[in-house]
Amino acid sequence: MRDDAQSGPGQSASAAEIAGGPNIEGAVSITLRINGEDCQLRVDPRTTLLDCIRETVALTGTKKGCDHGQCGACTVHVNGRRVNSCLSLALMHDGEEITTIEGLGTPDALHPMQAAFVACDGYQCGYCTSGQIMSGLALLKEPCGPDDAAVKELMSGNICRCGAYANIVAAIQQVRKNI
């Protein structure tokens, strides 16, 4: 996130900007540690983690797909575990560590999972990609058998409308072989 008071498209607002934002009736104060930076926020208690990340913090890499927890486009890590952020209220995560796709790598230094998605053409239209990458990365820390069927099972909560499943599995397997 930026430290100065200006933010533009694709850039997030600073914690100071957010804390001093509009007065929301009934808002609660929370602190989320997003991608290694503490964000002191005032949010409506009904705000989902997804909407907080996208609308309040202005990190738009996490996508809003179905808003029902069925597609996985909104997958982020909370304290190292994957979570469908559309099904979780932001205030439930006060003080917790949130990692979004923006917290993994940069265009000049991609995370190995991001690089594997590029190398294996696992991104197709790109809409589901951030959720796929976040789930694939979480899968590396979960019990998973060595074959493609095991990876497919653990990735079954993420839908790719383009049908790039074989490429997504190949990307995840590529990273698994190199860790």
C-alpha atoms as a PDB file:
ATOM      1  CA  MET A   1       0.000   0.000   0.000  1.00  0.00           C
ATOM      2  CA  ARG A   2       1.033   3.559  -0.556  1.00  0.00           C
ATOM      3  CA  ASP A   3       2.204   5.862   2.200  1.00  0.00           C
ATOM      4  CA  ASP A   4       1.132   9.118   0.562  1.00  0.00           C
ATOM      5  CA  ALA A   5      -2.403  10.476   0.501  1.00  0.00           C
ATOM      6  CA  GLN A   6      -3.034  10.002  -3.228  1.00  0.00           C
ATOM      7  CA  SER A   7      -4.182   6.784  -4.747  1.00  0.00           C
ATOM      8  CA  GLY A   8      -5.168   6.050  -8.275  1.00  0.00           C
ATOM      9  CA  PRO A   9      -6.489   3.096 -10.224  1.00  0.00           C
ATOM     10  CA  GLY A  10      -4.834  -0.142  -9.140  1.00  0.00           C
ATOM     11  CA  GLN A  11      -3.280   1.489  -6.093  1.00  0.00           C
ATOM     12  CA  SER A  12      -4.544   1.098  -2.571  1.00  0.00           C
ATOM     13  CA  ALA A  13      -5.274   3.823  -0.105  1.00  0.00           C
ATOM     14  CA  SER A  14      -2.988   4.301   2.874  1.00  0.00           C
ATOM     15  CA  ALA A  15      -4.095   3.165   6.332  1.00  0.00           C
ATOM     16  CA  ALA A  16      -4.312   6.803   7.425  1.00  0.00           C
ATOM     17  CA  GLU A  17      -6.628   7.611   4.514  1.00  0.00           C
ATOM     18  CA  ILE A  18      -8.904   4.701   5.347  1.00  0.00           C
ATOM     19  CA  ALA A  19      -9.102   5.487   9.064  1.00  0.00           C
ATOM     20  CA  GLY A  20     -10.043   9.065   8.246  1.00  0.00           C
ATOM     21  CA  GLY A  21     -12.559   8.057   5.602  1.00  0.00           C
ATOM     22  CA  PRO A  22     -16.278   8.769   5.525  1.00  0.00           C
ATOM     23  CA  ASN A  23     -18.274   8.421   8.726  1.00  0.00           C
ATOM     24  CA  ILE A  24     -20.335   5.244   8.402  1.00  0.00           C
ATOM     25  CA  GLU A  25     -23.205   4.923  10.854  1.00  0.00           C
ATOM     26  CA  GLY A  26     -22.710   1.857  13.058  1.00  0.00           C
ATOM     27  CA  ALA A  27     -19.173   1.279  11.741  1.00  0.00           C
ATOM     28  CA  VAL A  28     -16.729  -0.731  13.813  1.00  0.00           C
ATOM     29  CA  SER A  29     -12.984  -0.249  14.003  1.00  0.00           C
ATOM     30  CA  ILE A  30     -10.819  -3.185  12.997  1.00  0.00           C
ATOM     31  CA  THR A  31      -7.196  -3.767  12.117  1.00  0.00           C
ATOM     32  CA  LEU A  32      -6.342  -6.185   9.346  1.00  0.00           C
ATOM     33  CA  ARG A  33      -2.746  -7.032   8.504  1.00  0.00           C
ATOM     34  CA  ILE A  34      -3.003  -7.187   4.716  1.00  0.00           C
ATOM     35  CA  ASN A  35       0.059  -8.300   2.768  1.00  0.00           C
ATOM     36  CA  GLY A  36       2.282  -7.429   5.707  1.00  0.00           C
ATOM     37  CA  GLU A  37       0.868  -3.964   6.369  1.00  0.00           C
ATOM     38  CA  ASP A  38      -1.482  -3.039   9.221  1.00  0.00           C
ATOM     39  CA  CYS A  39      -4.678  -1.427   7.967  1.00  0.00           C
ATOM     40  CA  GLN A  40      -6.784   0.347  10.558  1.00  0.00           C
ATOM     41  CA  LEU A  41     -10.288   0.435   9.152  1.00  0.00           C
ATOM     42  CA  ARG A  42     -13.827   1.485  10.025  1.00  0.00           C
ATOM     43  CA  VAL A  43     -16.320  -0.810   8.354  1.00  0.00           C
ATOM     44  CA  ASP A  44     -19.998  -1.569   8.477  1.00  0.00           C
ATOM     45  CA  PRO A  45     -20.290  -4.798  10.519  1.00  0.00           C
ATOM     46  CA  ARG A  46     -22.010  -6.447   7.529  1.00  0.00           C
ATOM     47  CA  THR A  47     -19.055  -5.838   5.186  1.00  0.00           C
ATOM     48  CA  THR A  48     -17.603  -9.025   3.756  1.00  0.00           C
ATOM     49  CA  LEU A  49     -13.871  -9.523   3.769  1.00  0.00           C
ATOM     50  CA  LEU A  50     -14.031  -9.466  -0.044  1.00  0.00           C
ATOM     51  CA  ASP A  51     -15.762  -6.087  -0.190  1.00  0.00           C
ATOM     52  CA  CYS A  52     -13.426  -4.695   2.464  1.00  0.00           C
ATOM     53  CA  ILE A  53     -10.365  -5.776   0.464  1.00  0.00           C
ATOM     54  CA  ARG A  54     -11.721  -4.556  -2.884  1.00  0.00           C
ATOM     55  CA  GLU A  55     -13.710  -1.458  -1.947  1.00  0.00           C
ATOM     56  CA  THR A  56     -12.169  -0.143   1.272  1.00  0.00           C
ATOM     57  CA  VAL A  57      -8.518  -1.104   0.839  1.00  0.00           C
ATOM     58  CA  ALA A  58      -8.653  -0.888  -2.984  1.00  0.00           C
ATOM     59  CA  LEU A  59      -6.814  -4.144  -3.698  1.00  0.00           C
ATOM     60  CA  THR A  60      -8.779  -5.401  -6.689  1.00  0.00           C
ATOM     61  CA  GLY A  61      -6.806  -8.519  -7.603  1.00  0.00           C
ATOM     62  CA  THR A  62      -9.183 -10.635  -5.521  1.00  0.00           C
ATOM     63  CA  LYS A  63     -12.243 -11.084  -7.720  1.00  0.00           C
ATOM     64  CA  LYS A  64     -15.947 -11.073  -6.959  1.00  0.00           C
ATOM     65  CA  GLY A  65     -17.407 -13.994  -8.860  1.00  0.00           C
ATOM     66  CA  CYS A  66     -20.559 -15.601  -7.526  1.00  0.00           C
ATOM     67  CA  ASP A  67     -20.771 -13.923  -4.082  1.00  0.00           C
ATOM     68  CA  HIS A  68     -21.997 -17.298  -2.738  1.00  0.00           C
ATOM     69  CA  GLY A  69     -18.747 -19.185  -2.081  1.00  0.00           C
ATOM     70  CA  GLN A  70     -19.222 -21.472  -5.051  1.00  0.00           C
ATOM     71  CA  CYS A  71     -16.591 -20.277  -7.553  1.00  0.00           C
ATOM     72  CA  GLY A  72     -13.442 -19.556  -5.512  1.00  0.00           C
ATOM     73  CA  ALA A  73     -12.523 -16.358  -7.403  1.00  0.00           C
ATOM     74  CA  CYS A  74     -12.406 -14.522  -4.057  1.00  0.00           C
ATOM     75  CA  THR A  75      -9.934 -16.894  -2.372  1.00  0.00           C
ATOM     76  CA  VAL A  76      -7.427 -15.226  -0.047  1.00  0.00           C
ATOM     77  CA  HIS A  77      -5.280 -16.572   2.783  1.00  0.00           C
ATOM     78  CA  VAL A  78      -6.206 -15.795   6.377  1.00  0.00           C
ATOM     79  CA  ASN A  79      -3.440 -16.737   8.778  1.00  0.00           C
ATOM     80  CA  GLY A  80      -2.052 -19.021   6.066  1.00  0.00           C
ATOM     81  CA  ARG A  81      -5.306 -20.863   5.277  1.00  0.00           C
ATOM     82  CA  ARG A  82      -7.434 -20.361   2.199  1.00  0.00           C
ATOM     83  CA  VAL A  83     -10.773 -18.652   2.720  1.00  0.00           C
ATOM     84  CA  ASN A  84     -13.610 -17.662   0.393  1.00  0.00           C
ATOM     85  CA  SER A  85     -13.595 -13.982   1.312  1.00  0.00           C
ATOM     86  CA  CYS A  86     -17.158 -13.455   0.043  1.00  0.00           C
ATOM     87  CA  LEU A  87     -18.467 -15.707   2.834  1.00  0.00           C
ATOM     88  CA  SER A  88     -16.536 -14.123   5.678  1.00  0.00           C
ATOM     89  CA  LEU A  89     -17.205 -10.842   7.450  1.00  0.00           C
ATOM     90  CA  ALA A  90     -14.243  -8.472   7.684  1.00  0.00           C
ATOM     91  CA  LEU A  91     -14.752  -7.886  11.410  1.00  0.00           C
ATOM     92  CA  MET A  92     -14.273 -11.621  12.050  1.00  0.00           C
ATOM     93  CA  HIS A  93     -10.635 -11.156  11.044  1.00  0.00           C
ATOM     94  CA  ASP A  94      -9.679  -8.257  13.309  1.00  0.00           C
ATOM     95  CA  GLY A  95      -5.959  -8.597  14.029  1.00  0.00           C
ATOM     96  CA  GLU A  96      -5.445 -11.439  11.549  1.00  0.00           C
ATOM     97  CA  GLU A  97      -2.967 -11.783   8.684  1.00  0.00           C
ATOM     98  CA  ILE A  98      -4.601 -11.558   5.256  1.00  0.00           C
ATOM     99  CA  THR A  99      -2.682 -12.353   2.078  1.00  0.00           C
ATOM    100  CA  THR A 100      -4.110 -11.415  -1.303  1.00  0.00           C
ATOM    101  CA  ILE A 101      -2.724 -12.033  -4.766  1.00  0.00           C
ATOM    102  CA  GLU A 102      -1.013  -8.616  -4.562  1.00  0.00           C
ATOM    103  CA  GLY A 103       1.004  -9.916  -1.608  1.00  0.00           C
ATOM    104  CA  LEU A 104       2.670 -12.759  -3.515  1.00  0.00           C
ATOM    105  CA  GLY A 105       4.957 -11.249  -6.099  1.00  0.00           C
ATOM    106  CA  THR A 106       5.579  -8.376  -8.465  1.00  0.00           C
ATOM    107  CA  PRO A 107       5.661  -8.238 -12.270  1.00  0.00           C
ATOM    108  CA  ASP A 108       9.467  -8.288 -12.069  1.00  0.00           C
ATOM    109  CA  ALA A 109       9.651 -11.005  -9.408  1.00  0.00           C
ATOM    110  CA  LEU A 110       6.719 -13.393  -9.724  1.00  0.00           C
ATOM    111  CA  HIS A 111       5.979 -15.892  -6.978  1.00  0.00           C
ATOM    112  CA  PRO A 112       6.815 -19.424  -8.243  1.00  0.00           C
ATOM    113  CA  MET A 113       3.084 -20.261  -8.437  1.00  0.00           C
ATOM    114  CA  GLN A 114       2.402 -17.142 -10.505  1.00  0.00           C
ATOM    115  CA  ALA A 115       5.329 -17.971 -12.793  1.00  0.00           C
ATOM    116  CA  ALA A 116       4.052 -21.541 -13.210  1.00  0.00           C
ATOM    117  CA  PHE A 117       0.604 -20.272 -14.210  1.00  0.00           C
ATOM    118  CA  VAL A 118       2.244 -18.131 -16.892  1.00  0.00           C
ATOM    119  CA  ALA A 119       4.529 -20.953 -18.082  1.00  0.00           C
ATOM    120  CA  CYS A 120       1.674 -23.491 -18.215  1.00  0.00           C
ATOM    121  CA  ASP A 121      -0.924 -21.084 -19.661  1.00  0.00           C
ATOM    122  CA  GLY A 122      -3.105 -21.623 -16.606  1.00  0.00           C
ATOM    123  CA  TYR A 123      -4.680 -18.188 -16.676  1.00  0.00           C
ATOM    124  CA  GLN A 124      -6.798 -18.106 -19.875  1.00  0.00           C
ATOM    125  CA  CYS A 125      -9.167 -15.096 -19.425  1.00  0.00           C
ATOM    126  CA  GLY A 126      -7.601 -14.346 -16.041  1.00  0.00           C
ATOM    127  CA  TYR A 127     -10.760 -13.767 -14.020  1.00  0.00           C
ATOM    128  CA  CYS A 128     -10.447 -16.844 -11.803  1.00  0.00           C
ATOM    129  CA  THR A 129      -6.659 -16.781 -11.798  1.00  0.00           C
ATOM    130  CA  SER A 130      -6.042 -14.975  -8.508  1.00  0.00           C
ATOM    131  CA  GLY A 131      -8.336 -17.378  -6.653  1.00  0.00           C
ATOM    132  CA  GLN A 132      -6.804 -20.367  -8.448  1.00  0.00           C
ATOM    133  CA  ILE A 133      -3.282 -19.241  -7.551  1.00  0.00           C
ATOM    134  CA  MET A 134      -4.202 -18.579  -3.917  1.00  0.00           C
ATOM    135  CA  SER A 135      -5.868 -22.008  -3.640  1.00  0.00           C
ATOM    136  CA  GLY A 136      -2.993 -23.716  -5.417  1.00  0.00           C
ATOM    137  CA  LEU A 137      -0.528 -22.095  -3.047  1.00  0.00           C
ATOM    138  CA  ALA A 138      -2.572 -23.181  -0.010  1.00  0.00           C
ATOM    139  CA  LEU A 139      -2.705 -26.709  -1.409  1.00  0.00           C
ATOM    140  CA  LEU A 140       1.089 -26.904  -1.037  1.00  0.00           C
ATOM    141  CA  LYS A 141       0.640 -26.845   2.759  1.00  0.00           C
ATOM    142  CA  GLU A 142      -2.275 -29.296   2.850  1.00  0.00           C
ATOM    143  CA  PRO A 143      -2.219 -33.091   2.716  1.00  0.00           C
ATOM    144  CA  CYS A 144      -2.473 -33.904  -0.974  1.00  0.00           C
ATOM    145  CA  GLY A 145      -1.641 -37.030  -2.878  1.00  0.00           C
ATOM    146  CA  PRO A 146       0.976 -36.842  -5.642  1.00  0.00           C
ATOM    147  CA  ASP A 147      -1.272 -37.423  -8.654  1.00  0.00           C
ATOM    148  CA  ASP A 148      -3.348 -34.996 -10.718  1.00  0.00           C
ATOM    149  CA  ALA A 149      -6.606 -36.450  -9.361  1.00  0.00           C
ATOM    150  CA  ALA A 150      -5.630 -35.435  -5.815  1.00  0.00           C
ATOM    151  CA  VAL A 151      -4.832 -31.892  -6.966  1.00  0.00           C
ATOM    152  CA  LYS A 152      -8.140 -31.701  -8.857  1.00  0.00           C
ATOM    153  CA  GLU A 153     -10.008 -32.767  -5.732  1.00  0.00           C
ATOM    154  CA  LEU A 154      -8.375 -30.099  -3.559  1.00  0.00           C
ATOM    155  CA  MET A 155      -8.974 -27.468  -6.239  1.00  0.00           C
ATOM    156  CA  SER A 156     -12.627 -28.430  -6.763  1.00  0.00           C
ATOM    157  CA  GLY A 157     -13.824 -25.283  -4.969  1.00  0.00           C
ATOM    158  CA  ASN A 158     -12.385 -23.113  -7.739  1.00  0.00           C
ATOM    159  CA  ILE A 159     -14.251 -22.847 -11.025  1.00  0.00           C
ATOM    160  CA  CYS A 160     -12.608 -21.876 -14.313  1.00  0.00           C
ATOM    161  CA  ARG A 161     -15.196 -20.906 -16.885  1.00  0.00           C
ATOM    162  CA  CYS A 162     -12.613 -21.118 -19.685  1.00  0.00           C
ATOM    163  CA  GLY A 163     -11.868 -24.751 -18.888  1.00  0.00           C
ATOM    164  CA  ALA A 164      -8.139 -24.330 -18.268  1.00  0.00           C
ATOM    165  CA  TYR A 165      -8.200 -27.047 -15.611  1.00  0.00           C
ATOM    166  CA  ALA A 166      -5.474 -29.197 -17.186  1.00  0.00           C
ATOM    167  CA  ASN A 167      -3.142 -26.182 -17.382  1.00  0.00           C
ATOM    168  CA  ILE A 168      -3.967 -25.122 -13.809  1.00  0.00           C
ATOM    169  CA  VAL A 169      -3.207 -28.607 -12.504  1.00  0.00           C
ATOM    170  CA  ALA A 170       0.018 -28.665 -14.555  1.00  0.00           C
ATOM    171  CA  ALA A 171       1.088 -25.347 -13.015  1.00  0.00           C
ATOM    172  CA  ILE A 172       0.414 -26.551  -9.478  1.00  0.00           C
ATOM    173  CA  GLN A 173       2.206 -29.845 -10.132  1.00  0.00           C
ATOM    174  CA  GLN A 174       5.193 -27.953 -11.569  1.00  0.00           C
ATOM    175  CA  VAL A 175       5.535 -25.997  -8.322  1.00  0.00           C
ATOM    176  CA  ARG A 176       4.993 -29.094  -6.188  1.00  0.00           C
ATOM    177  CA  LYS A 177       7.863 -30.867  -7.958  1.00  0.00           C
ATOM    178  CA  ASN A 178      10.200 -27.944  -7.270  1.00  0.00           C
ATOM    179  CA  ILE A 179       9.602 -27.533  -3.529  1.00  0.00           C
END
